[in-house]
């Protein structure tokens, strides 16, 4: 029987990437390329010193530093940042940090025309997407808008050397989650699927070395390269069940973002696997997953291989370890089945509740 001809839609996202050791030296040149002269630098409180160093590099091109970025972009913080950008007459935002800082820059861009220059220091991937998120009243809302896609991204692996081993591990697993769901997305296409599989491979090879040898720049470069591919995948196609669950757990129960992705990923993958065998084969191949006796088909190895990778990195494997309470599981399941994201395997309340129980207890998928 012949296969049906290929048919797909691929949207190319317009962003400029400068990748490599020392690329931060091109910061002022890239600001000038944007035609900007009054940059507002954004950071988290923990990365204030790094934000200050960026502002110092920019000199007269910087008009201020806003250092209050936090997880899940609370609307109150977003409003403060928007007001400061307006009061200072900023004409661009420079976001230095991870997803929290980039997310804050997006919140500003969402209500203005300010371009974003992102300087990632983690493997979050948000810098390559037109996806924004805001948390209000305990609920995280997300959307897509081309205005929030950073115009320029400077990837300098040396900036990730100071990232603690555990943050490196969970941030990297978060990136792998983007690649995994891109492979079975409703919008999946051959170009992004190649990027997603390569992203998993680069991260899976780089992260163990990064954790063991934090100053290894070759491993840092591999992991950051994988994170870029993951961000490209996330930005180009829609996500599925895994991301819905993580948005629910993060926005409603304030669980840490990257750690939550790390814990949930193997279980969401196991849930989806029966309806996405080709994607599971790609995941297993990228992870180099092999059964001891080679009797198991590769698709069966994807979910347990993701779990095993997290264990090998010393990352958390249970929602209980992240602070979720047993009493929260039913509420989480109820929210997750409301307005569900697309998923190859239909979403049921019973199935999601069982998935969450496994993730809560940290069981290895079979």
Protein backbone atom coordinates (compact mmCIF):
# COMPACT_ATOMS: atom_id res chain seq x y z
CA UNK A 1 0.00 0.00 0.00
CA UNK A 2 1.45 3.39 -0.95
CA UNK A 3 1.61 6.19 1.59
CA UNK A 4 -0.33 9.40 1.14
CA UNK A 5 1.71 12.36 -0.18
CA UNK A 6 3.17 14.72 2.40
CA UNK A 7 1.02 17.71 3.33
CA UNK A 8 1.84 20.24 6.04
CA UNK A 9 2.04 23.93 6.98
CA UNK A 10 5.29 25.46 8.22
CA UNK A 11 5.37 29.03 9.55
CA UNK A 12 8.85 30.55 9.66
CA UNK A 13 9.29 32.80 12.70
CA UNK A 14 11.26 36.01 12.00
CA UNK A 15 14.02 36.25 14.60
CA UNK A 16 17.77 36.81 14.52
CA UNK A 17 20.05 34.43 16.44
CA UNK A 18 23.68 35.10 17.31
CA UNK A 19 25.15 31.90 18.77
CA UNK A 20 28.57 31.10 20.18
CA UNK A 21 31.14 31.73 22.88
CA UNK A 22 31.69 35.48 23.19
CA UNK A 23 28.51 36.50 21.37
CA UNK A 24 27.65 38.83 24.27
CA UNK A 25 30.41 41.10 22.97
CA UNK A 26 28.07 41.95 20.09
CA UNK A 27 25.37 43.32 22.41
CA UNK A 28 25.72 47.02 21.59
CA UNK A 29 26.05 46.24 17.89
CA UNK A 30 22.79 44.26 18.02
CA UNK A 31 20.98 47.02 19.94
CA UNK A 32 22.06 49.47 17.25
CA UNK A 33 20.83 47.06 14.59
CA UNK A 34 17.38 47.25 16.20
CA UNK A 35 17.52 51.04 15.93
CA UNK A 36 17.09 51.29 19.70
CA UNK A 37 18.69 53.85 22.03
CA UNK A 38 16.90 53.50 25.38
CA UNK A 39 16.96 49.93 26.64
CA UNK A 40 15.23 48.76 29.81
CA UNK A 41 17.17 45.78 31.19
CA UNK A 42 15.12 43.08 32.91
CA UNK A 43 16.23 40.41 35.38
CA UNK A 44 15.10 38.41 38.39
CA UNK A 45 16.12 39.61 41.88
CA UNK A 46 18.64 36.75 41.99
CA UNK A 47 20.26 37.88 38.73
CA UNK A 48 20.34 41.57 39.53
CA UNK A 49 24.15 41.65 39.33
CA UNK A 50 24.07 40.08 35.88
CA UNK A 51 21.42 42.58 34.84
CA UNK A 52 23.58 45.42 36.15
CA UNK A 53 26.56 44.12 34.14
CA UNK A 54 24.43 44.14 30.98
CA UNK A 55 23.28 47.68 31.71
CA UNK A 56 26.91 48.72 32.22
CA UNK A 57 27.86 47.18 28.86
CA UNK A 58 25.11 49.19 27.21
CA UNK A 59 26.23 52.42 28.88
CA UNK A 60 24.16 55.35 27.66
CA UNK A 61 21.96 52.96 25.67
CA UNK A 62 20.43 51.69 28.96
CA UNK A 63 17.79 53.75 30.79
CA UNK A 64 17.17 51.44 33.73
CA UNK A 65 17.10 48.01 35.34
CA UNK A 66 13.90 46.29 36.46
CA UNK A 67 14.88 43.32 38.63
CA UNK A 68 11.56 41.90 39.86
CA UNK A 69 10.87 39.15 37.31
CA UNK A 70 9.45 35.99 38.92
CA UNK A 71 7.98 32.66 37.82
CA UNK A 72 4.71 32.54 35.90
CA UNK A 73 4.65 36.36 35.32
CA UNK A 74 2.11 37.60 37.91
CA UNK A 75 -0.02 40.36 36.42
CA UNK A 76 0.97 42.71 39.25
CA UNK A 77 4.68 42.49 38.37
CA UNK A 78 3.88 42.82 34.67
CA UNK A 79 1.98 46.06 35.32
CA UNK A 80 4.90 47.48 37.34
CA UNK A 81 7.34 46.69 34.54
CA UNK A 82 5.04 48.18 31.91
CA UNK A 83 4.73 51.39 33.92
CA UNK A 84 8.50 51.66 34.40
CA UNK A 85 9.16 51.11 30.69
CA UNK A 86 6.70 53.87 29.86
CA UNK A 87 7.99 56.26 32.52
CA UNK A 88 11.60 55.86 31.37
CA UNK A 89 10.73 56.22 27.69
CA UNK A 90 12.28 52.85 26.87
CA UNK A 91 12.37 51.88 23.20
CA UNK A 92 13.40 48.24 23.72
CA UNK A 93 13.73 45.59 26.42
CA UNK A 94 16.84 43.51 27.11
CA UNK A 95 15.91 40.36 28.99
CA UNK A 96 18.79 38.57 30.70
CA UNK A 97 17.96 35.28 32.39
CA UNK A 98 15.55 32.42 31.88
CA UNK A 99 11.88 32.02 31.11
CA UNK A 100 10.71 34.26 33.94
CA UNK A 101 12.62 37.27 32.63
CA UNK A 102 11.81 36.65 28.98
CA UNK A 103 8.18 36.20 29.98
CA UNK A 104 8.19 39.59 31.67
CA UNK A 105 9.64 41.22 28.55
CA UNK A 106 6.84 39.61 26.56
CA UNK A 107 4.26 41.05 28.94
CA UNK A 108 5.64 44.50 28.17
CA UNK A 109 5.75 43.87 24.41
CA UNK A 110 2.18 42.56 24.46
CA UNK A 111 0.82 46.05 25.22
CA UNK A 112 3.45 48.09 23.37
CA UNK A 113 5.62 48.04 20.29
CA UNK A 114 8.89 47.59 22.20
CA UNK A 115 11.22 45.03 20.59
CA UNK A 116 12.93 42.45 22.79
CA UNK A 117 16.57 41.42 22.76
CA UNK A 118 16.91 38.24 24.81
CA UNK A 119 20.07 36.95 26.48
CA UNK A 120 19.25 33.46 27.78
CA UNK A 121 21.19 32.12 30.76
CA UNK A 122 19.11 28.93 31.09
CA UNK A 123 17.68 26.38 28.67
CA UNK A 124 14.07 27.63 28.89
CA UNK A 125 13.53 28.26 25.16
CA UNK A 126 10.96 31.01 25.67
CA UNK A 127 13.17 33.42 23.74
CA UNK A 128 12.35 31.62 20.46
CA UNK A 129 8.56 31.66 20.77
CA UNK A 130 5.66 34.06 20.26
CA UNK A 131 3.98 32.49 23.32
CA UNK A 132 3.19 34.68 26.33
CA UNK A 133 1.88 33.75 29.77
CA UNK A 134 0.36 35.77 32.60
CA UNK A 135 -0.90 34.58 35.98
CA UNK A 136 -3.88 36.33 37.50
CA UNK A 137 -6.08 35.15 40.34
CA UNK A 138 -4.18 31.86 40.62
CA UNK A 139 -4.76 30.92 36.98
CA UNK A 140 -2.10 31.07 34.28
CA UNK A 141 -3.32 32.18 30.88
CA UNK A 142 -1.24 31.78 27.74
CA UNK A 143 -1.53 32.93 24.17
CA UNK A 144 0.38 33.55 20.94
CA UNK A 145 1.14 36.96 19.51
CA UNK A 146 3.89 37.85 17.01
CA UNK A 147 4.58 41.08 18.93
CA UNK A 148 6.17 39.16 21.82
CA UNK A 149 8.67 37.15 19.77
CA UNK A 150 12.14 38.54 20.59
CA UNK A 151 13.68 40.24 17.59
CA UNK A 152 17.23 39.18 18.50
CA UNK A 153 18.64 36.44 20.72
CA UNK A 154 22.25 36.29 21.90
CA UNK A 155 23.23 32.74 22.89
CA UNK A 156 26.55 32.80 24.73
CA UNK A 157 27.35 29.46 26.44
CA UNK A 158 29.69 31.20 28.88
CA UNK A 159 26.64 32.85 30.50
CA UNK A 160 25.24 29.44 31.44
CA UNK A 161 28.37 28.28 33.32
CA UNK A 162 27.18 29.86 36.56
CA UNK A 163 23.83 28.05 36.33
CA UNK A 164 23.70 25.54 39.21
CA UNK A 165 23.85 21.87 38.21
CA UNK A 166 20.28 21.18 39.32
CA UNK A 167 18.86 24.16 37.45
CA UNK A 168 20.83 23.07 34.39
CA UNK A 169 19.27 19.62 34.66
CA UNK A 170 15.66 20.73 35.12
CA UNK A 171 15.91 23.61 32.64
CA UNK A 172 17.29 21.13 30.11
CA UNK A 173 14.50 18.63 30.78
CA UNK A 174 12.03 21.47 30.25
CA UNK A 175 13.58 22.01 26.80
CA UNK A 176 13.34 18.31 26.02
CA UNK A 177 9.62 18.53 26.84
CA UNK A 178 9.20 21.12 24.08
CA UNK A 179 10.85 18.77 21.59
CA UNK A 180 8.84 15.74 22.71
CA UNK A 181 5.49 17.45 22.24
CA UNK A 182 6.53 19.04 18.95
CA UNK A 183 6.97 15.52 17.53
CA UNK A 184 3.28 14.67 18.01
CA UNK A 185 1.83 18.17 17.72
CA UNK A 186 -1.31 18.78 15.72
CA UNK A 187 0.84 21.15 13.64
CA UNK A 188 3.83 18.78 13.31
CA UNK A 189 5.84 19.05 10.11
CA UNK A 190 9.03 17.40 8.81
CA UNK A 191 11.26 20.45 9.38
CA UNK A 192 10.32 20.93 13.02
CA UNK A 193 10.39 17.18 13.66
CA UNK A 194 14.01 17.07 12.53
CA UNK A 195 14.83 19.99 14.80
CA UNK A 196 12.98 18.42 17.73
CA UNK A 197 14.74 15.06 17.47
CA UNK A 198 18.13 16.76 17.13
CA UNK A 199 17.26 18.95 20.12
CA UNK A 200 16.55 15.92 22.31
CA UNK A 201 19.78 14.30 21.17
CA UNK A 202 21.93 17.39 21.86
CA UNK A 203 20.40 17.94 25.29
CA UNK A 204 20.60 14.28 26.30
CA UNK A 205 24.28 14.22 25.35
CA UNK A 206 25.16 17.59 26.87
CA UNK A 207 23.25 17.62 30.17
CA UNK A 208 25.02 14.71 31.95
CA UNK A 209 28.38 16.35 31.24
CA UNK A 210 27.08 19.78 32.28
CA UNK A 211 25.95 18.34 35.63
CA UNK A 212 29.25 16.52 36.19
CA UNK A 213 31.49 19.30 34.83
CA UNK A 214 29.65 22.63 35.06
CA UNK A 215 32.52 24.57 33.48
CA UNK A 216 32.73 22.34 30.39
CA UNK A 217 32.03 24.81 27.58
CA UNK A 218 31.63 22.14 24.91
CA UNK A 219 28.85 20.48 26.92
CA UNK A 220 27.33 23.87 27.71
CA UNK A 221 27.33 24.69 24.00
CA UNK A 222 25.65 21.38 23.14
CA UNK A 223 22.96 21.91 25.75
CA UNK A 224 22.34 25.51 24.68
CA UNK A 225 22.19 24.41 21.03
CA UNK A 226 19.58 21.81 22.00
CA UNK A 227 17.65 24.44 23.95
CA UNK A 228 17.62 26.71 20.88
CA UNK A 229 16.20 23.88 18.76
CA UNK A 230 13.64 23.19 21.49
CA UNK A 231 12.59 26.82 21.55
CA UNK A 232 12.26 26.80 17.76
CA UNK A 233 10.07 23.71 18.02
CA UNK A 234 7.93 25.21 20.76
CA UNK A 235 7.45 28.43 18.85
CA UNK A 236 6.55 26.85 15.52
CA UNK A 237 3.96 24.23 16.52
CA UNK A 238 1.32 23.79 19.21
CA UNK A 239 1.92 21.86 22.40
CA UNK A 240 -0.25 19.18 23.99
CA UNK A 241 -1.22 17.46 27.26
CA UNK A 242 2.15 17.77 28.99
CA UNK A 243 2.19 21.57 28.74
CA UNK A 244 -1.43 21.87 29.82
CA UNK A 245 -0.67 19.88 32.97
CA UNK A 246 2.43 21.93 33.75
CA UNK A 247 0.59 25.22 33.25
CA UNK A 248 -2.11 23.96 35.61
CA UNK A 249 0.33 22.82 38.29
CA UNK A 250 2.49 25.91 38.00
CA UNK A 251 -0.18 28.58 37.76
CA UNK A 252 -2.59 27.13 40.32
CA UNK A 253 -0.25 25.55 42.87
CA UNK A 254 2.83 27.73 42.22
CA UNK A 255 5.09 24.74 41.63
CA UNK A 256 8.53 25.54 40.19
CA UNK A 257 8.35 25.65 36.40
CA UNK A 258 11.32 23.61 35.16
CA UNK A 259 11.09 21.05 37.96
CA UNK A 260 7.42 20.47 37.20
CA UNK A 261 8.18 19.84 33.53
CA UNK A 262 10.92 17.42 34.57
CA UNK A 263 8.59 15.39 36.79
CA UNK A 264 5.53 15.34 34.52
CA UNK A 265 7.25 14.67 31.18
CA UNK A 266 7.77 10.87 31.44
CA UNK A 267 4.18 10.36 32.62
CA UNK A 268 2.55 12.58 29.98
CA UNK A 269 4.70 10.79 27.38
CA UNK A 270 3.59 7.37 28.66
CA UNK A 271 -0.06 8.48 28.54
CA UNK A 272 0.25 9.70 24.94
CA UNK A 273 2.51 6.90 23.65
CA UNK A 274 -0.20 4.48 22.38
CA UNK A 275 -1.48 7.16 19.97
CA UNK A 276 1.88 8.54 18.83
CA UNK A 277 4.12 5.59 18.01
CA UNK A 278 6.20 7.31 15.33
CA UNK A 279 7.00 10.19 17.68
CA UNK A 280 7.93 7.73 20.43
CA UNK A 281 10.37 6.00 18.08
CA UNK A 282 12.04 9.36 17.38
CA UNK A 283 12.30 10.12 21.11
CA UNK A 284 13.77 6.71 21.93
CA UNK A 285 16.23 7.00 19.05
CA UNK A 286 17.35 10.48 20.15
CA UNK A 287 17.87 9.25 23.71
CA UNK A 288 19.78 6.17 22.55
CA UNK A 289 17.27 3.98 24.40
CA UNK A 290 17.87 0.25 24.08
CA UNK A 291 16.24 -2.59 26.04
CA UNK A 292 18.74 -5.05 27.57
CA UNK A 293 17.53 -7.98 25.47
CA UNK A 294 16.44 -5.78 22.52
CA UNK A 295 13.00 -7.41 22.52
CA UNK A 296 11.02 -4.24 23.29
CA UNK A 297 10.10 -2.07 20.30
CA UNK A 298 11.67 1.38 20.49
CA UNK A 299 8.38 3.28 21.03
CA UNK A 300 7.92 1.51 24.37
CA UNK A 301 11.23 2.89 25.63
CA UNK A 302 10.57 6.62 25.20
CA UNK A 303 8.80 7.34 28.50
CA UNK A 304 11.03 5.23 30.77
CA UNK A 305 14.14 6.62 29.03
CA UNK A 306 13.01 10.18 29.85
CA UNK A 307 12.50 9.16 33.47
CA UNK A 308 15.90 7.49 33.60
CA UNK A 309 17.57 10.59 32.14
CA UNK A 310 16.06 12.74 34.90
CA UNK A 311 17.26 10.26 37.53
CA UNK A 312 20.78 10.23 36.05
CA UNK A 313 20.87 14.03 36.33
CA UNK A 314 19.83 13.96 39.98
CA UNK A 315 16.64 15.84 39.11
CA UNK A 316 13.37 15.49 41.07
CA UNK A 317 11.03 12.74 39.92
CA UNK A 318 7.89 13.27 42.03
CA UNK A 319 5.34 16.05 42.46
CA UNK A 320 5.36 15.31 46.18
CA UNK A 321 9.00 16.39 46.31
CA UNK A 322 7.98 19.71 44.73
CA UNK A 323 5.45 20.41 47.49
CA UNK A 324 2.17 19.29 45.92
CA UNK A 325 -0.26 17.82 48.44
CA UNK A 326 -2.34 14.65 47.96
CA UNK A 327 -5.48 16.76 48.36
CA UNK A 328 -4.40 18.89 45.34
CA UNK A 329 -4.52 16.02 42.85
CA UNK A 330 -8.28 16.02 42.27
CA UNK A 331 -8.37 19.79 41.78
CA UNK A 332 -5.43 19.58 39.37
CA UNK A 333 -7.19 16.87 37.34
CA UNK A 334 -10.42 18.89 37.22
CA UNK A 335 -8.62 22.00 35.92
CA UNK A 336 -6.51 20.05 33.42
CA UNK A 337 -9.55 18.60 31.64
CA UNK A 338 -11.17 22.02 31.25
CA UNK A 339 -10.42 23.51 27.82
CA UNK A 340 -7.82 20.79 27.15
CA UNK A 341 -5.01 21.25 24.65
CA UNK A 342 -4.94 19.00 21.60
CA UNK A 343 -3.46 15.57 22.34
CA UNK A 344 -3.11 12.49 20.10
CA UNK A 345 -4.66 10.32 22.79
CA UNK A 346 -8.02 11.66 24.00
CA UNK A 347 -7.95 13.24 27.45
CA UNK A 348 -10.18 11.73 30.14
CA UNK A 349 -10.62 12.78 33.77
CA UNK A 350 -9.86 9.23 34.93
CA UNK A 351 -6.74 8.97 32.79
CA UNK A 352 -5.37 12.35 33.88
CA UNK A 353 -6.04 11.57 37.55
CA UNK A 354 -4.08 8.32 37.24
CA UNK A 355 -1.25 10.11 35.41
CA UNK A 356 -1.04 12.71 38.18
CA UNK A 357 -0.98 10.00 40.85
CA UNK A 358 1.97 8.33 39.13
CA UNK A 359 3.76 11.68 38.86
CA UNK A 360 2.96 12.50 42.48
CA UNK A 361 4.52 9.26 43.67
CA UNK A 362 7.40 9.38 41.17
CA UNK A 363 6.83 5.95 39.67
CA UNK A 364 8.97 4.91 36.72
CA UNK A 365 6.74 4.43 33.64
CA UNK A 366 6.63 0.82 32.50
